PDB file of N, CA and C in Angstrom:
ATOM      1  N   MET A   1       6.169   7.854 -16.213  1.00  0.00           N
ATOM      2  CA  MET A   1       7.490   7.331 -15.923  1.00  0.00           C
ATOM      3  C   MET A   1       7.916   6.394 -17.052  1.00  0.00           C
ATOM      4  N   ALA A   2       9.173   6.410 -17.355  1.00  0.00           N
ATOM      5  CA  ALA A   2       9.720   5.563 -18.425  1.00  0.00           C
ATOM      6  C   ALA A   2       9.589   4.087 -18.066  1.00  0.00           C
ATOM      7  N   VAL A   3       9.607   3.250 -19.092  1.00  0.00           N
ATOM      8  CA  VAL A   3       9.549   1.803 -18.879  1.00  0.00           C
ATOM      9  C   VAL A   3      10.809   1.361 -18.148  1.00  0.00           C
ATOM     10  N   LYS A   4      10.616   0.607 -17.092  1.00  0.00           N
ATOM     11  CA  LYS A   4      11.754   0.094 -16.340  1.00  0.00           C
ATOM     12  C   LYS A   4      12.259  -1.178 -17.018  1.00  0.00           C
ATOM     13  N   SER A   5      13.570  -1.364 -17.020  1.00  0.00           N
ATOM     14  CA  SER A   5      14.139  -2.592 -17.571  1.00  0.00           C
ATOM     15  C   SER A   5      15.315  -3.027 -16.711  1.00  0.00           C
ATOM     16  N   CYS A   6      15.620  -4.302 -16.770  1.00  0.00           N
ATOM     17  CA  CYS A   6      16.710  -4.887 -15.999  1.00  0.00           C
ATOM     18  C   CYS A   6      18.048  -4.420 -16.568  1.00  0.00           C
ATOM     19  N   THR A   7      18.904  -3.883 -15.725  1.00  0.00           N
ATOM     20  CA  THR A   7      20.221  -3.439 -16.186  1.00  0.00           C
ATOM     21  C   THR A   7      21.179  -4.615 -16.363  1.00  0.00           C
ATOM     22  N   ALA A   8      20.830  -5.787 -15.867  1.00  0.00           N
ATOM     23  CA  ALA A   8      21.691  -6.964 -16.009  1.00  0.00           C
ATOM     24  C   ALA A   8      21.456  -7.695 -17.327  1.00  0.00           C
ATOM     25  N   CYS A   9      20.168  -7.854 -17.729  1.00  0.00           N
ATOM     26  CA  CYS A   9      19.890  -8.652 -18.927  1.00  0.00           C
ATOM     27  C   CYS A   9      19.024  -7.939 -19.963  1.00  0.00           C
ATOM     28  N   GLY A  10      18.485  -6.750 -19.627  1.00  0.00           N
ATOM     29  CA  GLY A  10      17.678  -5.993 -20.579  1.00  0.00           C
ATOM     30  C   GLY A  10      16.196  -6.342 -20.595  1.00  0.00           C
ATOM     31  N   ASN A  11      15.775  -7.334 -19.839  1.00  0.00           N
ATOM     32  CA  ASN A  11      14.372  -7.739 -19.783  1.00  0.00           C
ATOM     33  C   ASN A  11      13.507  -6.568 -19.307  1.00  0.00           C
ATOM     34  N   GLU A  12      12.325  -6.386 -19.919  1.00  0.00           N
ATOM     35  CA  GLU A  12      11.422  -5.313 -19.522  1.00  0.00           C
ATOM     36  C   GLU A  12      10.277  -5.818 -18.653  1.00  0.00           C
ATOM     37  N   GLU A  13      10.332  -7.070 -18.230  1.00  0.00           N
ATOM     38  CA  GLU A  13       9.313  -7.615 -17.332  1.00  0.00           C
ATOM     39  C   GLU A  13       9.875  -7.650 -15.922  1.00  0.00           C
ATOM     40  N   LEU A  14       9.590  -6.570 -15.173  1.00  0.00           N
ATOM     41  CA  LEU A  14      10.038  -6.472 -13.788  1.00  0.00           C
ATOM     42  C   LEU A  14       8.832  -6.559 -12.872  1.00  0.00           C
ATOM     43  N   GLU A  15       8.948  -7.346 -11.817  1.00  0.00           N
ATOM     44  CA  GLU A  15       7.836  -7.498 -10.896  1.00  0.00           C
ATOM     45  C   GLU A  15       8.063  -6.602  -9.684  1.00  0.00           C
ATOM     46  N   PRO A  16       7.056  -5.781  -9.297  1.00  0.00           N
ATOM     47  CA  PRO A  16       7.223  -4.852  -8.186  1.00  0.00           C
ATOM     48  C   PRO A  16       7.275  -5.564  -6.844  1.00  0.00           C
ATOM     49  N   GLY A  17       7.947  -4.936  -5.898  1.00  0.00           N
ATOM     50  CA  GLY A  17       8.035  -5.445  -4.534  1.00  0.00           C
ATOM     51  C   GLY A  17       8.598  -4.349  -3.648  1.00  0.00           C
ATOM     52  N   PHE A  18       9.102  -4.708  -2.456  1.00  0.00           N
ATOM     53  CA  PHE A  18       9.704  -3.712  -1.583  1.00  0.00           C
ATOM     54  C   PHE A  18      10.761  -4.356  -0.709  1.00  0.00           C
ATOM     55  N   MET A  19      11.656  -3.508  -0.190  1.00  0.00           N
ATOM     56  CA  MET A  19      12.703  -3.951   0.722  1.00  0.00           C
ATOM     57  C   MET A  19      12.217  -3.622   2.132  1.00  0.00           C
ATOM     58  N   SER A  20      12.359  -4.541   3.055  1.00  0.00           N
ATOM     59  CA  SER A  20      11.948  -4.297   4.425  1.00  0.00           C
ATOM     60  C   SER A  20      13.130  -3.793   5.235  1.00  0.00           C
ATOM     61  N   ASP A  21      12.883  -2.785   6.040  1.00  0.00           N
ATOM     62  CA  ASP A  21      13.902  -2.234   6.925  1.00  0.00           C
ATOM     63  C   ASP A  21      13.306  -2.212   8.326  1.00  0.00           C
ATOM     64  N   GLU A  22      13.921  -2.895   9.238  1.00  0.00           N
ATOM     65  CA  GLU A  22      13.373  -2.991  10.591  1.00  0.00           C
ATOM     66  C   GLU A  22      13.919  -1.910  11.511  1.00  0.00           C
ATOM     67  N   GLY A  23      14.188  -0.735  10.963  1.00  0.00           N
ATOM     68  CA  GLY A  23      14.709   0.382  11.749  1.00  0.00           C
ATOM     69  C   GLY A  23      13.595   1.173  12.415  1.00  0.00           C
ATOM     70  N   ALA A  24      13.762   2.485  12.488  1.00  0.00           N
ATOM     71  CA  ALA A  24      12.808   3.360  13.156  1.00  0.00           C
ATOM     72  C   ALA A  24      11.445   3.362  12.470  1.00  0.00           C
ATOM     73  N   HIS A  25      11.410   3.143  11.162  1.00  0.00           N
ATOM     74  CA  HIS A  25      10.156   3.096  10.402  1.00  0.00           C
ATOM     75  C   HIS A  25      10.072   1.753   9.702  1.00  0.00           C
ATOM     76  N   PRO A  26       9.707   0.673  10.437  1.00  0.00           N
ATOM     77  CA  PRO A  26       9.700  -0.655   9.823  1.00  0.00           C
ATOM     78  C   PRO A  26       8.728  -0.770   8.659  1.00  0.00           C
ATOM     79  N   GLY A  27       9.063  -1.653   7.718  1.00  0.00           N
ATOM     80  CA  GLY A  27       8.165  -1.945   6.615  1.00  0.00           C
ATOM     81  C   GLY A  27       8.615  -1.421   5.270  1.00  0.00           C
ATOM     82  N   PHE A  28       9.582  -0.521   5.225  1.00  0.00           N
ATOM     83  CA  PHE A  28      10.070  -0.032   3.943  1.00  0.00           C
ATOM     84  C   PHE A  28      11.490   0.489   4.101  1.00  0.00           C
ATOM     85  N   GLY A  29      12.219   0.495   2.990  1.00  0.00           N
ATOM     86  CA  GLY A  29      13.563   1.050   2.986  1.00  0.00           C
ATOM     87  C   GLY A  29      13.516   2.502   2.548  1.00  0.00           C
ATOM     88  N   ARG A  30      14.568   3.233   2.819  1.00  0.00           N
ATOM     89  CA  ARG A  30      14.634   4.631   2.422  1.00  0.00           C
ATOM     90  C   ARG A  30      15.990   4.912   1.792  1.00  0.00           C
ATOM     91  N   TRP A  31      15.993   5.845   0.857  1.00  0.00           N
ATOM     92  CA  TRP A  31      17.224   6.369   0.288  1.00  0.00           C
ATOM     93  C   TRP A  31      17.358   7.780   0.809  1.00  0.00           C
ATOM     94  N   ILE A  32      18.554   8.142   1.288  1.00  0.00           N
ATOM     95  CA  ILE A  32      18.782   9.444   1.903  1.00  0.00           C
ATOM     96  C   ILE A  32      19.872  10.158   1.126  1.00  0.00           C
ATOM     97  N   ARG A  33      19.567  11.368   0.664  1.00  0.00           N
ATOM     98  CA  ARG A  33      20.527  12.151  -0.109  1.00  0.00           C
ATOM     99  C   ARG A  33      21.690  12.568   0.787  1.00  0.00           C
ATOM    100  N   GLY A  34      22.907  12.473   0.255  1.00  0.00           N
ATOM    101  CA  GLY A  34      24.097  12.917   0.974  1.00  0.00           C
ATOM    102  C   GLY A  34      24.913  11.761   1.539  1.00  0.00           C
ATOM    103  N   GLU A  35      26.082  12.094   2.020  1.00  0.00           N
ATOM    104  CA  GLU A  35      26.967  11.075   2.577  1.00  0.00           C
ATOM    105  C   GLU A  35      26.479  10.628   3.948  1.00  0.00           C
ATOM    106  N   LEU A  36      26.772   9.372   4.291  1.00  0.00           N
ATOM    107  CA  LEU A  36      26.376   8.802   5.571  1.00  0.00           C
ATOM    108  C   LEU A  36      27.142   9.472   6.706  1.00  0.00           C
ATOM    109  N   GLN A  37      26.400   9.923   7.705  1.00  0.00           N
ATOM    110  CA  GLN A  37      26.973  10.421   8.946  1.00  0.00           C
ATOM    111  C   GLN A  37      26.306   9.636  10.059  1.00  0.00           C
ATOM    112  N   THR A  38      27.092   9.185  11.034  1.00  0.00           N
ATOM    113  CA  THR A  38      26.528   8.388  12.123  1.00  0.00           C
ATOM    114  C   THR A  38      26.589   9.152  13.438  1.00  0.00           C
ATOM    115  N   GLY A  39      25.643   8.815  14.309  1.00  0.00           N
ATOM    116  CA  GLY A  39      25.586   9.415  15.636  1.00  0.00           C
ATOM    117  C   GLY A  39      26.433   8.619  16.621  1.00  0.00           C
ATOM    118  N   ILE A  40      26.340   8.972  17.888  1.00  0.00           N
ATOM    119  CA  ILE A  40      27.180   8.325  18.911  1.00  0.00           C
ATOM    120  C   ILE A  40      26.830   6.856  19.130  1.00  0.00           C
ATOM    121  N   PHE A  41      25.616   6.436  18.771  1.00  0.00           N
ATOM    122  CA  PHE A  41      25.222   5.031  18.919  1.00  0.00           C
ATOM    123  C   PHE A  41      25.330   4.256  17.609  1.00  0.00           C
ATOM    124  N   GLY A  42      25.888   4.863  16.563  1.00  0.00           N
ATOM    125  CA  GLY A  42      26.115   4.172  15.299  1.00  0.00           C
ATOM    126  C   GLY A  42      25.010   4.274  14.272  1.00  0.00           C
ATOM    127  N   GLY A  43      23.870   4.870  14.630  1.00  0.00           N
ATOM    128  CA  GLY A  43      22.769   5.015  13.680  1.00  0.00           C
ATOM    129  C   GLY A  43      23.013   6.166  12.716  1.00  0.00           C
ATOM    130  N   ALA A  44      22.369   6.113  11.582  1.00  0.00           N
ATOM    131  CA  ALA A  44      22.512   7.163  10.574  1.00  0.00           C
ATOM    132  C   ALA A  44      21.792   8.429  11.024  1.00  0.00           C
ATOM    133  N   LYS A  45      22.439   9.572  10.819  1.00  0.00           N
ATOM    134  CA  LYS A  45      21.806  10.859  11.090  1.00  0.00           C
ATOM    135  C   LYS A  45      20.930  11.218   9.892  1.00  0.00           C
ATOM    136  N   VAL A  46      19.628  11.407  10.128  1.00  0.00           N
ATOM    137  CA  VAL A  46      18.699  11.705   9.043  1.00  0.00           C
ATOM    138  C   VAL A  46      17.966  13.028   9.228  1.00  0.00           C
ATOM    139  N   TYR A  47      18.192  13.705  10.352  1.00  0.00           N
ATOM    140  CA  TYR A  47      17.512  14.973  10.611  1.00  0.00           C
ATOM    141  C   TYR A  47      17.868  15.997   9.535  1.00  0.00           C
ATOM    142  N   ASN A  48      16.853  16.665   8.998  1.00  0.00           N
ATOM    143  CA  ASN A  48      17.010  17.677   7.942  1.00  0.00           C
ATOM    144  C   ASN A  48      17.609  17.116   6.656  1.00  0.00           C
ATOM    145  N   LYS A  49      17.477  15.822   6.413  1.00  0.00           N
ATOM    146  CA  LYS A  49      17.944  15.205   5.168  1.00  0.00           C
ATOM    147  C   LYS A  49      16.736  14.925   4.288  1.00  0.00           C
ATOM    148  N   GLU A  50      16.959  14.903   2.974  1.00  0.00           N
ATOM    149  CA  GLU A  50      15.894  14.578   2.027  1.00  0.00           C
ATOM    150  C   GLU A  50      15.781  13.056   1.932  1.00  0.00           C
ATOM    151  N   LEU A  51      14.607  12.518   2.238  1.00  0.00           N
ATOM    152  CA  LEU A  51      14.372  11.070   2.274  1.00  0.00           C
ATOM    153  C   LEU A  51      13.449  10.665   1.128  1.00  0.00           C
ATOM    154  N   PHE A  52      13.693   9.480   0.562  1.00  0.00           N
ATOM    155  CA  PHE A  52      12.860   8.947  -0.512  1.00  0.00           C
ATOM    156  C   PHE A  52      12.504   7.501  -0.212  1.00  0.00           C
ATOM    157  N   GLU A  53      11.248   7.114  -0.488  1.00  0.00           N
ATOM    158  CA  GLU A  53      10.864   5.709  -0.391  1.00  0.00           C
ATOM    159  C   GLU A  53      11.559   4.940  -1.503  1.00  0.00           C
ATOM    160  N   VAL A  54      11.982   3.720  -1.204  1.00  0.00           N
ATOM    161  CA  VAL A  54      12.667   2.882  -2.184  1.00  0.00           C
ATOM    162  C   VAL A  54      11.703   1.833  -2.713  1.00  0.00           C
ATOM    163  N   SER A  55      11.536   1.784  -4.035  1.00  0.00           N
ATOM    164  CA  SER A  55      10.756   0.738  -4.694  1.00  0.00           C
ATOM    165  C   SER A  55      11.732  -0.281  -5.261  1.00  0.00           C
ATOM    166  N   ALA A  56      11.402  -1.543  -5.118  1.00  0.00           N
ATOM    167  CA  ALA A  56      12.268  -2.617  -5.614  1.00  0.00           C
ATOM    168  C   ALA A  56      11.519  -3.410  -6.676  1.00  0.00           C
ATOM    169  N   TYR A  57      12.211  -3.726  -7.757  1.00  0.00           N
ATOM    170  CA  TYR A  57      11.635  -4.524  -8.840  1.00  0.00           C
ATOM    171  C   TYR A  57      12.559  -5.697  -9.120  1.00  0.00           C
ATOM    172  N   ARG A  58      11.972  -6.882  -9.285  1.00  0.00           N
ATOM    173  CA  ARG A  58      12.744  -8.098  -9.544  1.00  0.00           C
ATOM    174  C   ARG A  58      12.541  -8.525 -10.979  1.00  0.00           C
ATOM    175  N   CYS A  59      13.651  -8.783 -11.676  1.00  0.00           N
ATOM    176  CA  CYS A  59      13.591  -9.246 -13.055  1.00  0.00           C
ATOM    177  C   CYS A  59      12.995 -10.649 -13.078  1.00  0.00           C
ATOM    178  N   THR A  60      12.031 -10.874 -13.975  1.00  0.00           N
ATOM    179  CA  THR A  60      11.396 -12.195 -14.081  1.00  0.00           C
ATOM    180  C   THR A  60      12.266 -13.192 -14.828  1.00  0.00           C
ATOM    181  N   ARG A  61      13.320 -12.721 -15.480  1.00  0.00           N
ATOM    182  CA  ARG A  61      14.211 -13.610 -16.226  1.00  0.00           C
ATOM    183  C   ARG A  61      15.441 -14.018 -15.401  1.00  0.00           C
ATOM    184  N   CYS A  62      16.192 -13.030 -14.892  1.00  0.00           N
ATOM    185  CA  CYS A  62      17.457 -13.355 -14.205  1.00  0.00           C
ATOM    186  C   CYS A  62      17.402 -13.091 -12.693  1.00  0.00           C
ATOM    187  N   PHE A  63      16.287 -12.573 -12.192  1.00  0.00           N
ATOM    188  CA  PHE A  63      16.039 -12.339 -10.762  1.00  0.00           C
ATOM    189  C   PHE A  63      16.880 -11.232 -10.148  1.00  0.00           C
ATOM    190  N   HIS A  64      17.511 -10.412 -10.988  1.00  0.00           N
ATOM    191  CA  HIS A  64      18.267  -9.237 -10.543  1.00  0.00           C
ATOM    192  C   HIS A  64      17.302  -8.231  -9.926  1.00  0.00           C
ATOM    193  N   LEU A  65      17.709  -7.547  -8.862  1.00  0.00           N
ATOM    194  CA  LEU A  65      16.882  -6.503  -8.259  1.00  0.00           C
ATOM    195  C   LEU A  65      17.294  -5.136  -8.768  1.00  0.00           C
ATOM    196  N   GLU A  66      16.295  -4.333  -9.117  1.00  0.00           N
ATOM    197  CA  GLU A  66      16.485  -2.939  -9.509  1.00  0.00           C
ATOM    198  C   GLU A  66      15.825  -2.098  -8.428  1.00  0.00           C
ATOM    199  N   LEU A  67      16.543  -1.132  -7.883  1.00  0.00           N
ATOM    200  CA  LEU A  67      16.007  -0.261  -6.838  1.00  0.00           C
ATOM    201  C   LEU A  67      15.836   1.154  -7.380  1.00  0.00           C
ATOM    202  N   TYR A  68      14.708   1.786  -7.035  1.00  0.00           N
ATOM    203  CA  TYR A  68      14.402   3.137  -7.473  1.00  0.00           C
ATOM    204  C   TYR A  68      13.970   3.962  -6.275  1.00  0.00           C
ATOM    205  N   ALA A  69      14.533   5.157  -6.138  1.00  0.00           N
ATOM    206  CA  ALA A  69      14.108   6.118  -5.105  1.00  0.00           C
ATOM    207  C   ALA A  69      13.111   7.048  -5.788  1.00  0.00           C
ATOM    208  N   GLU A  70      11.839   6.665  -5.766  1.00  0.00           N
ATOM    209  CA  GLU A  70      10.825   7.324  -6.598  1.00  0.00           C
ATOM    210  C   GLU A  70      10.036   8.416  -5.907  1.00  0.00           C
ATOM    211  N   LYS A  71       9.613   8.200  -4.668  1.00  0.00           N
ATOM    212  CA  LYS A  71       8.710   9.130  -4.016  1.00  0.00           C
ATOM    213  C   LYS A  71       9.348   9.696  -2.747  1.00  0.00           C
ATOM    214  N   PRO A  72       9.139  10.983  -2.477  1.00  0.00           N
ATOM    215  CA  PRO A  72       9.627  11.506  -1.195  1.00  0.00           C
ATOM    216  C   PRO A  72       9.022  10.720  -0.045  1.00  0.00           C
ATOM    217  N   GLY A  73       9.834  10.396   0.934  1.00  0.00           N
ATOM    218  CA  GLY A  73       9.378   9.623   2.084  1.00  0.00           C
ATOM    219  C   GLY A  73       9.554  10.412   3.363  1.00  0.00           C
ATOM    220  N   TYR A  74       9.393   9.725   4.498  1.00  0.00           N
ATOM    221  CA  TYR A  74       9.584  10.392   5.791  1.00  0.00           C
ATOM    222  C   TYR A  74      10.526   9.595   6.649  1.00  0.00           C
TER     223      TYR A  74
END
């Protein structure tokens, strides 16, 4: 994978972390391909959608967050 860098300041020192989502699968965020569609209770419809785990990196200089949808998720 290419070297990650901050899109705000150009720094190449990004510290890894993650975004927490307290939804149906707590502990990580997900990126879902396609436009948002909601069900009758307001939740996102994800059935038969391609899901990816979201990795978050924080710039050590300006503290900007960079998010990457790197690995297929569930």
